[in-house]
């Protein structure tokens, strides 16, 4: 039995996986959707230190160790690919595979905003103006991503401001990321090509590419298809043929 640990991207919480979790459990797998510190139902928790990116890495590692999970498939969407990639290294032989869902990937010494050289100043200014949080965005920011009006309304109503330091704090990797057994899910409506960092990692024999014909939030737009992809990634080393889009 695989133990899936699902971590949604910026501004989201465990609720984002509500339509994916039942399919994974119906297939007989233990499934844990996490909310990271400072978000959603954990927005008002009191912590001993400010919330940074390493806080989110610890959230994931601590959940795996506290629950004594093994045969773990870690799943990181969007921003959360950065803490998930670091956590994947740190849980050692508990890991079976890591799945990056249209996500950023950690680069040693780099932050989430390092991949946004042209937009970094604007995001940092927005964080400063909003009490250290990256604010939520309006519904029109989700247009063109394969979402229905109802799905967009659900996302907008559930999002919460995101702790800004998690976007600026650098990642810390202990070894090459391309040594991890990984599947990268590229959502084609968001952008048709993987980022340069991801394209380089996909040259590794340990990495596989899967494409979905949907936008950046497939857990809402195509939850059953995403669940099927996660199940295939967990089975037999995730040997999906990279040239075959699965989201149609």
C-alpha atoms as a PDB file:
ATOM      1  CA  UNK A   1       0.000   0.000   0.000  1.00  0.00           C
ATOM      2  CA  UNK A   2       1.313   3.412  -0.985  1.00  0.00           C
ATOM      3  CA  UNK A   3       1.103   6.331   1.417  1.00  0.00           C
ATOM      4  CA  UNK A   4       0.348   9.483  -0.537  1.00  0.00           C
ATOM      5  CA  UNK A   5       1.226  12.814   1.078  1.00  0.00           C
ATOM      6  CA  UNK A   6      -0.363  15.674  -0.881  1.00  0.00           C
ATOM      7  CA  UNK A   7       0.720  19.297  -0.560  1.00  0.00           C
ATOM      8  CA  UNK A   8      -1.054  22.022  -2.529  1.00  0.00           C
ATOM      9  CA  UNK A   9       0.513  25.261  -3.726  1.00  0.00           C
ATOM     10  CA  UNK A  10       0.550  28.842  -2.522  1.00  0.00           C
ATOM     11  CA  UNK A  11      -2.530  30.135  -0.702  1.00  0.00           C
ATOM     12  CA  UNK A  12      -4.128  26.673  -0.600  1.00  0.00           C
ATOM     13  CA  UNK A  13      -4.657  24.052   2.108  1.00  0.00           C
ATOM     14  CA  UNK A  14      -5.497  20.364   2.415  1.00  0.00           C
ATOM     15  CA  UNK A  15      -9.028  21.110   1.168  1.00  0.00           C
ATOM     16  CA  UNK A  16      -7.644  21.578  -2.365  1.00  0.00           C
ATOM     17  CA  UNK A  17      -7.296  17.788  -2.700  1.00  0.00           C
ATOM     18  CA  UNK A  18     -10.864  16.950  -1.673  1.00  0.00           C
ATOM     19  CA  UNK A  19     -11.786  15.535  -5.093  1.00  0.00           C
ATOM     20  CA  UNK A  20      -8.512  13.621  -5.535  1.00  0.00           C
ATOM     21  CA  UNK A  21      -8.278  11.886  -2.154  1.00  0.00           C
ATOM     22  CA  UNK A  22     -11.367   9.629  -2.565  1.00  0.00           C
ATOM     23  CA  UNK A  23     -10.005   8.095  -5.795  1.00  0.00           C
ATOM     24  CA  UNK A  24      -6.648   7.309  -4.174  1.00  0.00           C
ATOM     25  CA  UNK A  25      -8.324   5.769  -1.129  1.00  0.00           C
ATOM     26  CA  UNK A  26     -10.744   3.802  -3.300  1.00  0.00           C
ATOM     27  CA  UNK A  27      -7.696   2.238  -4.956  1.00  0.00           C
ATOM     28  CA  UNK A  28      -6.587   1.012  -1.515  1.00  0.00           C
ATOM     29  CA  UNK A  29      -3.957   3.598  -0.618  1.00  0.00           C
ATOM     30  CA  UNK A  30      -3.389   5.551   2.572  1.00  0.00           C
ATOM     31  CA  UNK A  31      -3.676   9.264   1.751  1.00  0.00           C
ATOM     32  CA  UNK A  32      -2.792  12.367   3.751  1.00  0.00           C
ATOM     33  CA  UNK A  33      -3.482  15.879   2.458  1.00  0.00           C
ATOM     34  CA  UNK A  34      -1.476  18.453   4.411  1.00  0.00           C
ATOM     35  CA  UNK A  35      -2.036  22.105   5.191  1.00  0.00           C
ATOM     36  CA  UNK A  36       1.234  23.975   5.621  1.00  0.00           C
ATOM     37  CA  UNK A  37       1.856  26.408   8.482  1.00  0.00           C
ATOM     38  CA  UNK A  38       0.174  29.784   8.136  1.00  0.00           C
ATOM     39  CA  UNK A  39      -2.416  28.701   5.580  1.00  0.00           C
ATOM     40  CA  UNK A  40      -6.110  27.748   5.491  1.00  0.00           C
ATOM     41  CA  UNK A  41      -7.093  25.932   8.703  1.00  0.00           C
ATOM     42  CA  UNK A  42      -3.584  26.561  10.121  1.00  0.00           C
ATOM     43  CA  UNK A  43      -3.662  30.283   9.448  1.00  0.00           C
ATOM     44  CA  UNK A  44      -4.039  31.302  13.072  1.00  0.00           C
ATOM     45  CA  UNK A  45      -1.731  28.771  14.725  1.00  0.00           C
ATOM     46  CA  UNK A  46       0.784  30.186  17.179  1.00  0.00           C
ATOM     47  CA  UNK A  47       4.349  29.172  16.300  1.00  0.00           C
ATOM     48  CA  UNK A  48       7.637  29.686  18.111  1.00  0.00           C
ATOM     49  CA  UNK A  49       9.317  31.287  15.090  1.00  0.00           C
ATOM     50  CA  UNK A  50       8.322  33.171  11.938  1.00  0.00           C
ATOM     51  CA  UNK A  51       7.060  31.011   9.078  1.00  0.00           C
ATOM     52  CA  UNK A  52       9.721  30.529   6.398  1.00  0.00           C
ATOM     53  CA  UNK A  53      10.286  27.987   3.679  1.00  0.00           C
ATOM     54  CA  UNK A  54      12.142  25.666   6.055  1.00  0.00           C
ATOM     55  CA  UNK A  55       9.057  25.730   8.300  1.00  0.00           C
ATOM     56  CA  UNK A  56       7.133  24.172   5.431  1.00  0.00           C
ATOM     57  CA  UNK A  57       9.857  21.595   4.822  1.00  0.00           C
ATOM     58  CA  UNK A  58       9.624  20.606   8.495  1.00  0.00           C
ATOM     59  CA  UNK A  59       5.823  20.454   8.276  1.00  0.00           C
ATOM     60  CA  UNK A  60       6.121  17.745   5.637  1.00  0.00           C
ATOM     61  CA  UNK A  61       8.984  15.790   7.216  1.00  0.00           C
ATOM     62  CA  UNK A  62       7.352  15.939  10.657  1.00  0.00           C
ATOM     63  CA  UNK A  63       4.047  14.612   9.287  1.00  0.00           C
ATOM     64  CA  UNK A  64       5.775  11.654   7.611  1.00  0.00           C
ATOM     65  CA  UNK A  65       7.759  10.819  10.746  1.00  0.00           C
ATOM     66  CA  UNK A  66       4.933  11.434  13.238  1.00  0.00           C
ATOM     67  CA  UNK A  67       2.616   9.127  11.310  1.00  0.00           C
ATOM     68  CA  UNK A  68       5.489   6.668  10.739  1.00  0.00           C
ATOM     69  CA  UNK A  69       4.729   6.560   7.027  1.00  0.00           C
ATOM     70  CA  UNK A  70       6.716   4.343   4.660  1.00  0.00           C
ATOM     71  CA  UNK A  71       6.391   3.656   0.936  1.00  0.00           C
ATOM     72  CA  UNK A  72       5.649   7.358   0.640  1.00  0.00           C
ATOM     73  CA  UNK A  73       4.768   9.204  -2.563  1.00  0.00           C
ATOM     74  CA  UNK A  74       5.199  12.916  -1.855  1.00  0.00           C
ATOM     75  CA  UNK A  75       3.136  15.169  -4.126  1.00  0.00           C
ATOM     76  CA  UNK A  76       3.873  18.881  -4.429  1.00  0.00           C
ATOM     77  CA  UNK A  77       1.821  21.332  -6.474  1.00  0.00           C
ATOM     78  CA  UNK A  78       3.062  24.753  -7.665  1.00  0.00           C
ATOM     79  CA  UNK A  79       5.033  26.543  -4.888  1.00  0.00           C
ATOM     80  CA  UNK A  80       4.963  23.410  -2.730  1.00  0.00           C
ATOM     81  CA  UNK A  81       7.267  21.568  -5.101  1.00  0.00           C
ATOM     82  CA  UNK A  82      10.069  23.522  -3.420  1.00  0.00           C
ATOM     83  CA  UNK A  83       9.509  22.287   0.164  1.00  0.00           C
ATOM     84  CA  UNK A  84       8.377  18.859  -1.089  1.00  0.00           C
ATOM     85  CA  UNK A  85      11.603  18.391  -3.065  1.00  0.00           C
ATOM     86  CA  UNK A  86      13.667  19.178   0.026  1.00  0.00           C
ATOM     87  CA  UNK A  87      11.512  16.981   2.262  1.00  0.00           C
ATOM     88  CA  UNK A  88      11.881  14.108  -0.214  1.00  0.00           C
ATOM     89  CA  UNK A  89      15.627  14.121   0.431  1.00  0.00           C
ATOM     90  CA  UNK A  90      15.184  14.231   4.181  1.00  0.00           C
ATOM     91  CA  UNK A  91      12.794  11.324   4.640  1.00  0.00           C
ATOM     92  CA  UNK A  92      15.354   8.905   3.222  1.00  0.00           C
ATOM     93  CA  UNK A  93      14.240   5.355   2.555  1.00  0.00           C
ATOM     94  CA  UNK A  94      10.658   6.182   3.499  1.00  0.00           C
ATOM     95  CA  UNK A  95      10.321   7.704   0.013  1.00  0.00           C
ATOM     96  CA  UNK A  96       9.075   5.723  -2.969  1.00  0.00           C
ATOM     97  CA  UNK A  97       8.595   8.610  -5.376  1.00  0.00           C
ATOM     98  CA  UNK A  98       8.065  12.347  -5.526  1.00  0.00           C
ATOM     99  CA  UNK A  99       5.532  13.860  -7.923  1.00  0.00           C
ATOM    100  CA  UNK A 100       5.776  17.514  -8.910  1.00  0.00           C
ATOM    101  CA  UNK A 101       2.425  18.802 -10.211  1.00  0.00           C
ATOM    102  CA  UNK A 102       3.082  21.799 -12.488  1.00  0.00           C
ATOM    103  CA  UNK A 103       5.382  22.974  -9.751  1.00  0.00           C
ATOM    104  CA  UNK A 104       8.530  24.845  -9.010  1.00  0.00           C
ATOM    105  CA  UNK A 105      11.476  22.662  -8.055  1.00  0.00           C
ATOM    106  CA  UNK A 106      14.044  23.518  -5.395  1.00  0.00           C
ATOM    107  CA  UNK A 107      17.430  24.846  -6.461  1.00  0.00           C
ATOM    108  CA  UNK A 108      20.099  24.875  -3.770  1.00  0.00           C
ATOM    109  CA  UNK A 109      20.485  28.462  -2.593  1.00  0.00           C
ATOM    110  CA  UNK A 110      17.545  29.645  -4.695  1.00  0.00           C
ATOM    111  CA  UNK A 111      14.084  30.738  -3.612  1.00  0.00           C
ATOM    112  CA  UNK A 112      10.623  30.628  -5.154  1.00  0.00           C
ATOM    113  CA  UNK A 113      11.138  34.198  -6.359  1.00  0.00           C
ATOM    114  CA  UNK A 114      14.496  33.375  -7.933  1.00  0.00           C
ATOM    115  CA  UNK A 115      12.515  31.953 -10.851  1.00  0.00           C
ATOM    116  CA  UNK A 116      10.676  35.285 -11.226  1.00  0.00           C
ATOM    117  CA  UNK A 117      13.483  37.757 -11.982  1.00  0.00           C
ATOM    118  CA  UNK A 118      11.163  40.203 -13.745  1.00  0.00           C
ATOM    119  CA  UNK A 119       8.344  39.975 -11.206  1.00  0.00           C
ATOM    120  CA  UNK A 120      10.332  39.635  -8.012  1.00  0.00           C
ATOM    121  CA  UNK A 121      10.274  43.309  -7.022  1.00  0.00           C
ATOM    122  CA  UNK A 122       6.516  43.492  -7.522  1.00  0.00           C
ATOM    123  CA  UNK A 123       5.880  40.401  -5.382  1.00  0.00           C
ATOM    124  CA  UNK A 124       8.223  41.602  -2.646  1.00  0.00           C
ATOM    125  CA  UNK A 125       6.487  44.993  -2.602  1.00  0.00           C
ATOM    126  CA  UNK A 126       3.098  43.258  -2.378  1.00  0.00           C
ATOM    127  CA  UNK A 127       4.313  41.168   0.565  1.00  0.00           C
ATOM    128  CA  UNK A 128       5.642  44.269   2.340  1.00  0.00           C
ATOM    129  CA  UNK A 129       2.347  46.109   1.815  1.00  0.00           C
ATOM    130  CA  UNK A 130       0.315  43.203   3.186  1.00  0.00           C
ATOM    131  CA  UNK A 131       1.910  42.566   6.544  1.00  0.00           C
ATOM    132  CA  UNK A 132       4.409  39.979   5.325  1.00  0.00           C
ATOM    133  CA  UNK A 133       1.877  37.932   3.333  1.00  0.00           C
ATOM    134  CA  UNK A 134       1.401  37.399  -0.401  1.00  0.00           C
ATOM    135  CA  UNK A 135      -2.247  38.411  -0.852  1.00  0.00           C
ATOM    136  CA  UNK A 136      -4.952  36.372  -2.546  1.00  0.00           C
ATOM    137  CA  UNK A 137      -5.846  37.223  -6.143  1.00  0.00           C
ATOM    138  CA  UNK A 138      -9.108  38.000  -7.925  1.00  0.00           C
ATOM    139  CA  UNK A 139     -11.146  35.469  -9.880  1.00  0.00           C
ATOM    140  CA  UNK A 140      -9.992  36.750 -13.264  1.00  0.00           C
ATOM    141  CA  UNK A 141      -6.448  35.549 -12.492  1.00  0.00           C
ATOM    142  CA  UNK A 142      -7.713  31.992 -12.965  1.00  0.00           C
ATOM    143  CA  UNK A 143      -9.108  32.548 -16.460  1.00  0.00           C
ATOM    144  CA  UNK A 144      -7.774  30.388 -19.281  1.00  0.00           C
ATOM    145  CA  UNK A 145      -6.854  27.503 -16.979  1.00  0.00           C
ATOM    146  CA  UNK A 146      -9.579  25.024 -17.883  1.00  0.00           C
ATOM    147  CA  UNK A 147     -11.669  25.856 -14.826  1.00  0.00           C
ATOM    148  CA  UNK A 148     -15.422  26.325 -14.654  1.00  0.00           C
ATOM    149  CA  UNK A 149     -16.915  29.390 -12.981  1.00  0.00           C
ATOM    150  CA  UNK A 150     -17.919  27.185 -10.050  1.00  0.00           C
ATOM    151  CA  UNK A 151     -14.378  25.815  -9.694  1.00  0.00           C
ATOM    152  CA  UNK A 152     -12.899  29.308  -9.783  1.00  0.00           C
ATOM    153  CA  UNK A 153     -15.380  30.479  -7.146  1.00  0.00           C
ATOM    154  CA  UNK A 154     -14.380  27.553  -4.934  1.00  0.00           C
ATOM    155  CA  UNK A 155     -10.673  28.361  -5.230  1.00  0.00           C
ATOM    156  CA  UNK A 156     -11.183  32.064  -4.592  1.00  0.00           C
ATOM    157  CA  UNK A 157     -13.380  31.452  -1.540  1.00  0.00           C
ATOM    158  CA  UNK A 158     -10.875  29.012  -0.030  1.00  0.00           C
ATOM    159  CA  UNK A 159      -7.564  30.753  -0.593  1.00  0.00           C
ATOM    160  CA  UNK A 160      -5.767  32.593   2.191  1.00  0.00           C
ATOM    161  CA  UNK A 161      -2.782  34.971   2.113  1.00  0.00           C
ATOM    162  CA  UNK A 162       0.534  33.124   1.860  1.00  0.00           C
ATOM    163  CA  UNK A 163       3.434  33.671   4.306  1.00  0.00           C
ATOM    164  CA  UNK A 164       5.850  35.838   2.356  1.00  0.00           C
ATOM    165  CA  UNK A 165       9.121  34.554   3.835  1.00  0.00           C
ATOM    166  CA  UNK A 166       8.452  31.109   2.349  1.00  0.00           C
ATOM    167  CA  UNK A 167       8.811  32.697  -1.093  1.00  0.00           C
ATOM    168  CA  UNK A 168      12.084  34.492  -0.395  1.00  0.00           C
ATOM    169  CA  UNK A 169      13.977  32.034   1.834  1.00  0.00           C
ATOM    170  CA  UNK A 170      16.514  29.901  -0.099  1.00  0.00           C
ATOM    171  CA  UNK A 171      16.196  26.154  -0.511  1.00  0.00           C
ATOM    172  CA  UNK A 172      18.761  23.798   0.996  1.00  0.00           C
ATOM    173  CA  UNK A 173      19.520  20.573  -0.856  1.00  0.00           C
ATOM    174  CA  UNK A 174      21.855  17.882   0.446  1.00  0.00           C
ATOM    175  CA  UNK A 175      22.372  16.172  -2.912  1.00  0.00           C
ATOM    176  CA  UNK A 176      21.454  16.328  -6.613  1.00  0.00           C
ATOM    177  CA  UNK A 177      17.699  16.548  -7.126  1.00  0.00           C
ATOM    178  CA  UNK A 178      17.963  14.431 -10.268  1.00  0.00           C
ATOM    179  CA  UNK A 179      18.914  11.436  -8.108  1.00  0.00           C
ATOM    180  CA  UNK A 180      15.389  11.346  -6.678  1.00  0.00           C
ATOM    181  CA  UNK A 181      12.803   9.039  -8.307  1.00  0.00           C
ATOM    182  CA  UNK A 182      10.404  11.644  -9.681  1.00  0.00           C
ATOM    183  CA  UNK A 183       7.480  12.281 -11.981  1.00  0.00           C
ATOM    184  CA  UNK A 184       6.851  15.781 -13.301  1.00  0.00           C
ATOM    185  CA  UNK A 185       3.269  16.591 -14.339  1.00  0.00           C
ATOM    186  CA  UNK A 186       3.180  19.455 -16.845  1.00  0.00           C
ATOM    187  CA  UNK A 187      -0.146  21.239 -17.289  1.00  0.00           C
ATOM    188  CA  UNK A 188      -0.159  22.484 -20.861  1.00  0.00           C
ATOM    189  CA  UNK A 189      -2.682  25.333 -20.588  1.00  0.00           C
ATOM    190  CA  UNK A 190      -0.509  27.059 -18.011  1.00  0.00           C
ATOM    191  CA  UNK A 191       2.613  26.935 -20.197  1.00  0.00           C
ATOM    192  CA  UNK A 192       3.386  24.318 -22.842  1.00  0.00           C
ATOM    193  CA  UNK A 193       7.025  23.664 -21.918  1.00  0.00           C
ATOM    194  CA  UNK A 194       8.748  22.767 -18.640  1.00  0.00           C
ATOM    195  CA  UNK A 195      10.949  25.456 -17.133  1.00  0.00           C
ATOM    196  CA  UNK A 196      14.683  25.249 -17.908  1.00  0.00           C
ATOM    197  CA  UNK A 197      15.382  23.831 -14.419  1.00  0.00           C
ATOM    198  CA  UNK A 198      12.799  21.089 -14.910  1.00  0.00           C
ATOM    199  CA  UNK A 199      13.921  20.363 -18.480  1.00  0.00           C
ATOM    200  CA  UNK A 200      17.430  19.734 -17.181  1.00  0.00           C
ATOM    201  CA  UNK A 201      16.176  17.405 -14.440  1.00  0.00           C
ATOM    202  CA  UNK A 202      14.098  15.458 -16.958  1.00  0.00           C
ATOM    203  CA  UNK A 203      17.342  14.339 -18.606  1.00  0.00           C
ATOM    204  CA  UNK A 204      17.876  12.094 -15.597  1.00  0.00           C
ATOM    205  CA  UNK A 205      17.025   8.408 -15.909  1.00  0.00           C
ATOM    206  CA  UNK A 206      15.145   8.752 -12.607  1.00  0.00           C
ATOM    207  CA  UNK A 207      12.679  11.377 -13.830  1.00  0.00           C
ATOM    208  CA  UNK A 208       9.545  10.958 -15.962  1.00  0.00           C
ATOM    209  CA  UNK A 209       7.350  13.548 -17.685  1.00  0.00           C
ATOM    210  CA  UNK A 210       3.551  13.357 -17.906  1.00  0.00           C
ATOM    211  CA  UNK A 211       1.450  16.002 -19.640  1.00  0.00           C
ATOM    212  CA  UNK A 212      -2.096  17.065 -18.813  1.00  0.00           C
ATOM    213  CA  UNK A 213      -4.277  19.036 -21.202  1.00  0.00           C
ATOM    214  CA  UNK A 214      -5.496  21.393 -18.498  1.00  0.00           C
ATOM    215  CA  UNK A 215      -4.385  24.401 -16.485  1.00  0.00           C
ATOM    216  CA  UNK A 216      -2.333  25.007 -13.372  1.00  0.00           C
ATOM    217  CA  UNK A 217      -4.919  23.693 -10.882  1.00  0.00           C
ATOM    218  CA  UNK A 218      -5.657  20.117 -12.082  1.00  0.00           C
ATOM    219  CA  UNK A 219      -6.908  19.010  -8.654  1.00  0.00           C
ATOM    220  CA  UNK A 220      -9.940  21.195  -9.442  1.00  0.00           C
ATOM    221  CA  UNK A 221     -10.176  21.042 -13.240  1.00  0.00           C
ATOM    222  CA  UNK A 222      -9.374  17.317 -13.729  1.00  0.00           C
ATOM    223  CA  UNK A 223      -9.231  15.659 -10.276  1.00  0.00           C
ATOM    224  CA  UNK A 224      -9.999  12.123 -11.452  1.00  0.00           C
ATOM    225  CA  UNK A 225      -7.402  12.269 -14.202  1.00  0.00           C
ATOM    226  CA  UNK A 226      -4.846  13.637 -11.765  1.00  0.00           C
ATOM    227  CA  UNK A 227      -5.615  10.805  -9.338  1.00  0.00           C
ATOM    228  CA  UNK A 228      -5.092   8.302 -12.153  1.00  0.00           C
ATOM    229  CA  UNK A 229      -1.711   9.839 -12.939  1.00  0.00           C
ATOM    230  CA  UNK A 230      -0.684   9.710  -9.275  1.00  0.00           C
ATOM    231  CA  UNK A 231      -1.662   6.051  -9.076  1.00  0.00           C
ATOM    232  CA  UNK A 232       0.377   5.255 -12.165  1.00  0.00           C
ATOM    233  CA  UNK A 233       3.343   7.192 -10.799  1.00  0.00           C
ATOM    234  CA  UNK A 234       3.216   5.134  -7.611  1.00  0.00           C
ATOM    235  CA  UNK A 235       3.043   1.812  -9.470  1.00  0.00           C
ATOM    236  CA  UNK A 236       6.020   0.187 -11.145  1.00  0.00           C
ATOM    237  CA  UNK A 237       8.240   3.202 -10.696  1.00  0.00           C
ATOM    238  CA  UNK A 238       5.926   5.519 -12.600  1.00  0.00           C
ATOM    239  CA  UNK A 239       6.938   4.307 -16.042  1.00  0.00           C
ATOM    240  CA  UNK A 240       4.551   6.478 -18.034  1.00  0.00           C
ATOM    241  CA  UNK A 241       5.618   7.154 -21.615  1.00  0.00           C
ATOM    242  CA  UNK A 242       6.548  10.833 -21.605  1.00  0.00           C
ATOM    243  CA  UNK A 243       5.337  11.513 -25.119  1.00  0.00           C
ATOM    244  CA  UNK A 244       1.719  10.568 -24.339  1.00  0.00           C
ATOM    245  CA  UNK A 245      -0.459  13.365 -22.869  1.00  0.00           C
ATOM    246  CA  UNK A 246      -2.822  11.874 -20.312  1.00  0.00           C
ATOM    247  CA  UNK A 247      -5.161  14.750 -19.688  1.00  0.00           C
ATOM    248  CA  UNK A 248      -7.530  14.291 -22.609  1.00  0.00           C
END
